[in-house]
């Protein structure tokens, strides 16, 4: 568990109290001995730990796994507008599945495989349907250099130009983000220029 200074440690003979599917407290057995409980699990000799979080993966994860997941159907401009529509249909169909364990996102693949018009359309779909967006961008320095050579802007600048930095956005990989890009990643109200095209 985390201590008050943010360190990680182990607590022997601890009790985890769960109410309504949410951890309420971690305490001692003595402190909860008299509390009513729908179920008590004797887990002596075992470790209780938080779930591991993977923010981006390229493998499908099915409802039966018991995992919580945010899923998105990747689309590419080369596949035509029906690809973007398939991503939207997938997100709307699976949103809230598995008793709420499944959340969904729109998933344009990347600024180098999805053109500006489709990125702008994605930003509009976010507004219409309240979905977040997940995208590969600035995956490495070479990709950023290629973007600068091809269109005179970094992948992050493309996301700003198309309105995607103004929505709930997860950028996958991002190791090619430049120092010049960092201010653009601030919330719109505090970024230079104060808006998408500022």
Protein backbone atom coordinates (compact mmCIF):
# COMPACT_ATOMS: atom_id res chain seq x y z
CA UNK A 1 0.00 0.00 0.00
CA UNK A 2 1.07 3.64 -0.37
CA UNK A 3 2.17 5.43 2.76
CA UNK A 4 1.70 9.16 3.48
CA UNK A 5 4.91 10.06 1.65
CA UNK A 6 3.94 8.14 -1.50
CA UNK A 7 6.19 5.16 -0.77
CA UNK A 8 5.06 1.59 -1.32
CA UNK A 9 5.10 -0.97 1.44
CA UNK A 10 3.47 -4.16 2.65
CA UNK A 11 1.18 -4.45 5.62
CA UNK A 12 1.03 -7.81 7.35
CA UNK A 13 -2.34 -9.22 8.43
CA UNK A 14 -4.32 -6.39 6.83
CA UNK A 15 -8.03 -6.37 6.06
CA UNK A 16 -9.46 -4.84 2.89
CA UNK A 17 -13.02 -3.56 3.34
CA UNK A 18 -15.03 -3.41 0.09
CA UNK A 19 -18.47 -1.81 -0.15
CA UNK A 20 -20.40 -1.52 -3.40
CA UNK A 21 -17.45 -2.81 -5.41
CA UNK A 22 -15.13 -0.05 -4.14
CA UNK A 23 -12.32 -0.36 -1.59
CA UNK A 24 -13.48 1.59 1.44
CA UNK A 25 -10.44 1.12 3.67
CA UNK A 26 -7.43 -1.02 4.45
CA UNK A 27 -7.19 -1.61 8.19
CA UNK A 28 -6.56 -4.25 10.82
CA UNK A 29 -8.64 -7.34 11.57
CA UNK A 30 -9.31 -6.01 15.07
CA UNK A 31 -10.83 -2.79 13.71
CA UNK A 32 -13.49 -4.62 11.66
CA UNK A 33 -14.05 -7.75 13.74
CA UNK A 34 -17.52 -6.60 14.84
CA UNK A 35 -18.63 -5.05 11.52
CA UNK A 36 -21.39 -6.88 9.65
CA UNK A 37 -20.27 -8.31 6.31
CA UNK A 38 -22.04 -10.02 3.42
CA UNK A 39 -18.88 -12.07 2.86
CA UNK A 40 -15.55 -12.55 4.58
CA UNK A 41 -12.63 -14.04 2.67
CA UNK A 42 -9.75 -15.56 4.59
CA UNK A 43 -6.73 -14.75 2.41
CA UNK A 44 -3.96 -15.41 4.91
CA UNK A 45 -0.68 -16.10 3.17
CA UNK A 46 -1.76 -14.24 0.03
CA UNK A 47 -1.15 -10.72 -1.29
CA UNK A 48 -3.88 -8.22 -2.10
CA UNK A 49 -2.65 -5.59 -4.56
CA UNK A 50 -4.12 -3.05 -6.97
CA UNK A 51 -4.83 -4.11 -10.52
CA UNK A 52 -2.15 -3.47 -13.09
CA UNK A 53 -2.92 -0.79 -15.66
CA UNK A 54 -1.85 -0.94 -19.30
CA UNK A 55 -2.78 2.31 -21.04
CA UNK A 56 -2.24 0.98 -24.54
CA UNK A 57 -2.12 -2.47 -26.07
CA UNK A 58 -2.48 -3.99 -29.51
CA UNK A 59 -4.28 -7.14 -28.43
CA UNK A 60 -8.04 -7.67 -28.18
CA UNK A 61 -9.44 -8.23 -24.68
CA UNK A 62 -12.69 -10.01 -24.42
CA UNK A 63 -15.64 -9.38 -21.84
CA UNK A 64 -15.07 -12.88 -20.42
CA UNK A 65 -11.60 -11.96 -19.14
CA UNK A 66 -13.02 -9.98 -16.24
CA UNK A 67 -10.76 -7.02 -17.07
CA UNK A 68 -11.79 -3.40 -17.11
CA UNK A 69 -10.91 -1.97 -20.50
CA UNK A 70 -11.25 1.08 -22.67
CA UNK A 71 -11.62 -0.21 -26.23
CA UNK A 72 -11.46 1.53 -29.57
CA UNK A 73 -11.68 0.30 -33.16
CA UNK A 74 -8.73 1.83 -35.05
CA UNK A 75 -9.53 3.51 -38.34
CA UNK A 76 -7.47 4.75 -41.27
CA UNK A 77 -8.36 7.35 -43.91
CA UNK A 78 -7.24 4.94 -46.64
CA UNK A 79 -10.21 2.72 -45.71
CA UNK A 80 -12.72 5.47 -46.51
CA UNK A 81 -15.35 7.20 -44.34
CA UNK A 82 -17.01 3.90 -43.49
CA UNK A 83 -13.93 3.06 -41.40
CA UNK A 84 -14.55 6.10 -39.17
CA UNK A 85 -18.22 5.17 -38.94
CA UNK A 86 -17.29 1.61 -37.93
CA UNK A 87 -15.11 3.03 -35.13
CA UNK A 88 -18.04 5.15 -33.92
CA UNK A 89 -20.51 2.26 -34.14
CA UNK A 90 -18.14 0.02 -32.17
CA UNK A 91 -17.68 2.68 -29.48
CA UNK A 92 -21.42 3.27 -29.10
CA UNK A 93 -22.30 -0.44 -29.12
CA UNK A 94 -19.73 -1.48 -26.49
CA UNK A 95 -19.83 1.61 -24.24
CA UNK A 96 -20.84 0.45 -20.74
CA UNK A 97 -20.71 -3.28 -21.58
CA UNK A 98 -19.87 -5.94 -18.98
CA UNK A 99 -21.74 -4.08 -16.26
CA UNK A 100 -19.74 -0.93 -16.92
CA UNK A 101 -16.28 -2.55 -17.03
CA UNK A 102 -15.98 -1.66 -20.71
CA UNK A 103 -15.63 1.95 -21.74
CA UNK A 104 -14.90 2.99 -25.29
CA UNK A 105 -13.06 5.57 -27.37
CA UNK A 106 -12.88 6.74 -30.94
CA UNK A 107 -9.59 5.51 -32.36
CA UNK A 108 -8.10 7.30 -35.36
CA UNK A 109 -4.85 5.40 -35.89
CA UNK A 110 -2.33 8.25 -36.21
CA UNK A 111 -1.82 11.66 -37.89
CA UNK A 112 0.29 9.92 -40.58
CA UNK A 113 -2.52 7.45 -41.48
CA UNK A 114 -5.56 9.65 -40.81
CA UNK A 115 -5.86 12.89 -42.76
CA UNK A 116 -6.70 16.26 -41.22
CA UNK A 117 -10.31 16.15 -42.44
CA UNK A 118 -10.90 12.81 -40.68
CA UNK A 119 -9.18 14.07 -37.52
CA UNK A 120 -11.45 17.14 -37.55
CA UNK A 121 -14.48 14.89 -38.08
CA UNK A 122 -13.36 12.83 -35.09
CA UNK A 123 -13.25 15.96 -32.91
CA UNK A 124 -16.84 16.72 -33.98
CA UNK A 125 -17.95 13.16 -33.15
CA UNK A 126 -16.50 13.60 -29.65
CA UNK A 127 -18.69 16.64 -29.20
CA UNK A 128 -21.76 14.82 -30.52
CA UNK A 129 -21.33 11.58 -28.54
CA UNK A 130 -19.19 12.38 -25.50
CA UNK A 131 -16.49 9.83 -26.31
CA UNK A 132 -12.76 10.12 -25.59
CA UNK A 133 -10.14 9.63 -28.31
CA UNK A 134 -7.09 7.36 -28.37
CA UNK A 135 -4.42 7.91 -31.02
CA UNK A 136 -0.80 7.03 -31.84
CA UNK A 137 1.13 10.30 -32.18
CA UNK A 138 4.76 11.39 -32.09
CA UNK A 139 5.61 7.73 -31.56
CA UNK A 140 9.32 8.41 -32.00
CA UNK A 141 11.70 11.14 -33.16
CA UNK A 142 11.79 9.80 -36.73
CA UNK A 143 8.01 10.05 -37.03
CA UNK A 144 8.11 13.64 -35.79
CA UNK A 145 10.90 14.48 -38.27
CA UNK A 146 8.91 12.89 -41.11
CA UNK A 147 5.86 14.92 -40.16
CA UNK A 148 7.88 18.14 -40.17
CA UNK A 149 9.31 17.28 -43.62
CA UNK A 150 5.92 16.24 -45.04
CA UNK A 151 3.65 18.99 -43.74
CA UNK A 152 5.78 21.45 -41.78
CA UNK A 153 4.36 20.59 -38.35
CA UNK A 154 4.81 17.99 -35.64
CA UNK A 155 2.14 15.33 -35.03
CA UNK A 156 1.18 17.21 -31.84
CA UNK A 157 0.72 20.43 -33.84
CA UNK A 158 -1.53 18.46 -36.20
CA UNK A 159 -3.64 17.29 -33.26
CA UNK A 160 -3.96 20.90 -32.08
CA UNK A 161 -4.83 22.17 -35.55
CA UNK A 162 -7.60 19.58 -35.96
CA UNK A 163 -9.13 20.18 -32.51
CA UNK A 164 -8.10 16.89 -30.91
CA UNK A 165 -6.05 18.56 -28.17
CA UNK A 166 -9.30 20.14 -26.96
CA UNK A 167 -11.00 16.80 -26.21
CA UNK A 168 -10.39 13.91 -23.81
CA UNK A 169 -7.35 12.46 -25.60
CA UNK A 170 -4.82 9.71 -24.84
CA UNK A 171 -1.66 9.86 -26.94
CA UNK A 172 -0.05 6.43 -27.31
CA UNK A 173 3.74 6.16 -27.31
CA UNK A 174 4.57 9.89 -27.56
CA UNK A 175 8.34 9.48 -27.31
CA UNK A 176 8.78 11.89 -30.24
CA UNK A 177 7.07 14.81 -28.49
CA UNK A 178 9.36 17.84 -28.75
CA UNK A 179 10.00 20.62 -26.21
CA UNK A 180 8.12 22.90 -28.61
CA UNK A 181 5.07 20.57 -28.34
CA UNK A 182 4.89 20.53 -24.54
CA UNK A 183 3.05 23.87 -24.10
CA UNK A 184 0.45 22.68 -26.64
CA UNK A 185 -0.39 19.74 -24.37
CA UNK A 186 -1.57 22.06 -21.59
CA UNK A 187 -5.32 22.52 -21.08
CA UNK A 188 -6.78 24.94 -23.68
CA UNK A 189 -7.36 27.72 -21.15
CA UNK A 190 -3.67 27.89 -20.21
CA UNK A 191 -1.94 26.99 -23.47
CA UNK A 192 -0.26 29.65 -25.64
CA UNK A 193 -2.88 31.41 -27.74
CA UNK A 194 -5.71 30.10 -25.54
CA UNK A 195 -7.47 27.90 -28.10
CA UNK A 196 -7.20 25.37 -30.90
CA UNK A 197 -5.76 27.73 -33.49
CA UNK A 198 -4.61 30.55 -31.08
